[in-house]
Amino acid sequence: NPMINSGAIMMSSLIRPGSHIDGRFDAAVDIWTKLTGGTRPGFSQTTYLSERATADRNFALSYMMKERGAFPEGADLLETLELYFMFCSIE
């Protein structure tokens, strides 16, 4: 389910794997821009910093998912979580 943390973290690992994180983020923002009729969404630095500072459960969840082989081969767990925090900060 992409609407809960584990699903959203997994989806973050699937967006343009192998690309640099900024390109991956921009690809998602471009889709949001199209969905909103051309209005580019904003980014909340406050939300981003809060997500990173309170991410213990998301890290634990991600490591459990990694242990079970849930992520695509070669997925960088820390980068995936960083991208997830960035996605959580889109407004």
Protein backbone atom coordinates (compact mmCIF):
# COMPACT_ATOMS: atom_id res chain seq x y z
CA ASN A 1 0.00 0.00 0.00
CA PRO A 2 1.74 3.23 -1.13
CA MET A 3 -0.35 5.27 1.32
CA ILE A 4 1.40 3.95 4.44
CA ASN A 5 5.05 4.33 5.42
CA SER A 6 6.30 0.94 4.24
CA GLY A 7 4.57 1.31 0.87
CA ALA A 8 5.76 4.87 0.41
CA ILE A 9 9.34 3.89 1.29
CA MET A 10 9.16 1.01 -1.19
CA MET A 11 7.78 3.29 -3.91
CA SER A 12 10.63 5.71 -3.23
CA SER A 13 13.09 2.93 -4.03
CA LEU A 14 11.36 2.32 -7.39
CA ILE A 15 11.43 5.87 -8.77
CA ARG A 16 14.24 6.14 -11.31
CA PRO A 17 16.59 3.69 -9.55
CA GLY A 18 20.21 4.33 -10.41
CA SER A 19 19.64 8.05 -11.00
CA HIS A 20 20.97 10.75 -8.69
CA ILE A 21 18.59 11.63 -5.86
CA ASP A 22 17.90 15.14 -7.16
CA GLY A 23 16.81 13.76 -10.53
CA ARG A 24 14.60 11.22 -8.82
CA PHE A 25 12.95 13.92 -6.73
CA ASP A 26 12.50 16.20 -9.75
CA ALA A 27 10.86 13.36 -11.70
CA ALA A 28 8.22 12.97 -8.98
CA VAL A 29 7.71 16.74 -8.70
CA ASP A 30 7.28 16.93 -12.47
CA ILE A 31 4.47 14.38 -12.24
CA TRP A 32 2.83 16.36 -9.41
CA THR A 33 3.15 19.51 -11.52
CA LYS A 34 1.31 17.82 -14.38
CA LEU A 35 -1.36 16.49 -12.03
CA THR A 36 -2.00 19.97 -10.64
CA GLY A 37 -2.41 21.53 -14.08
CA GLY A 38 1.03 23.13 -14.16
CA THR A 39 1.35 24.45 -10.62
CA ARG A 40 4.65 23.26 -9.18
CA PRO A 41 4.23 22.05 -5.59
CA GLY A 42 6.27 23.57 -2.79
CA PHE A 43 8.72 22.00 -0.40
CA SER A 44 8.57 22.35 3.38
CA GLN A 45 12.04 22.44 4.90
CA THR A 46 10.44 22.25 8.35
CA THR A 47 8.63 19.02 7.49
CA TYR A 48 11.77 17.58 5.90
CA LEU A 49 13.88 18.27 8.98
CA SER A 50 11.16 16.88 11.25
CA GLU A 51 10.85 13.69 9.19
CA ARG A 52 14.62 13.14 9.38
CA ALA A 53 14.80 13.90 13.09
CA THR A 54 12.00 11.48 14.02
CA ALA A 55 12.77 8.66 11.58
CA ASP A 56 13.69 5.85 13.98
CA ARG A 57 10.59 3.82 13.17
CA ASN A 58 11.03 4.33 9.43
CA PHE A 59 14.67 3.23 9.65
CA ALA A 60 13.66 0.14 11.63
CA LEU A 61 10.89 -0.65 9.18
CA SER A 62 13.24 -0.20 6.23
CA TYR A 63 15.90 -2.45 7.70
CA MET A 64 13.28 -5.14 8.31
CA MET A 65 12.12 -4.81 4.70
CA LYS A 66 15.73 -4.99 3.49
CA GLU A 67 16.36 -8.10 5.58
CA ARG A 68 13.38 -9.79 3.90
CA GLY A 69 14.67 -8.88 0.43
CA ALA A 70 11.84 -6.48 -0.32
CA PHE A 71 13.88 -3.78 -2.05
CA PRO A 72 15.09 -4.04 -5.64
CA GLU A 73 18.63 -5.29 -6.05
CA GLY A 74 21.13 -2.49 -5.63
CA ALA A 75 18.73 -0.13 -3.84
CA ASP A 76 20.56 2.23 -1.49
CA LEU A 77 18.55 2.15 1.74
CA LEU A 78 19.81 5.47 3.11
CA GLU A 79 19.19 7.27 -0.18
CA THR A 80 15.75 5.69 -0.42
CA LEU A 81 14.87 7.00 3.03
CA GLU A 82 16.27 10.43 2.21
CA LEU A 83 14.09 10.53 -0.90
CA TYR A 84 11.09 9.38 1.15
CA PHE A 85 11.66 12.27 3.60
CA MET A 86 11.81 14.65 0.65
CA PHE A 87 8.56 13.27 -0.76
CA CYS A 88 6.89 13.68 2.63
CA SER A 89 7.83 17.36 2.46
CA ILE A 90 6.07 18.17 -0.79
CA GLU A 91 3.21 20.58 -0.19
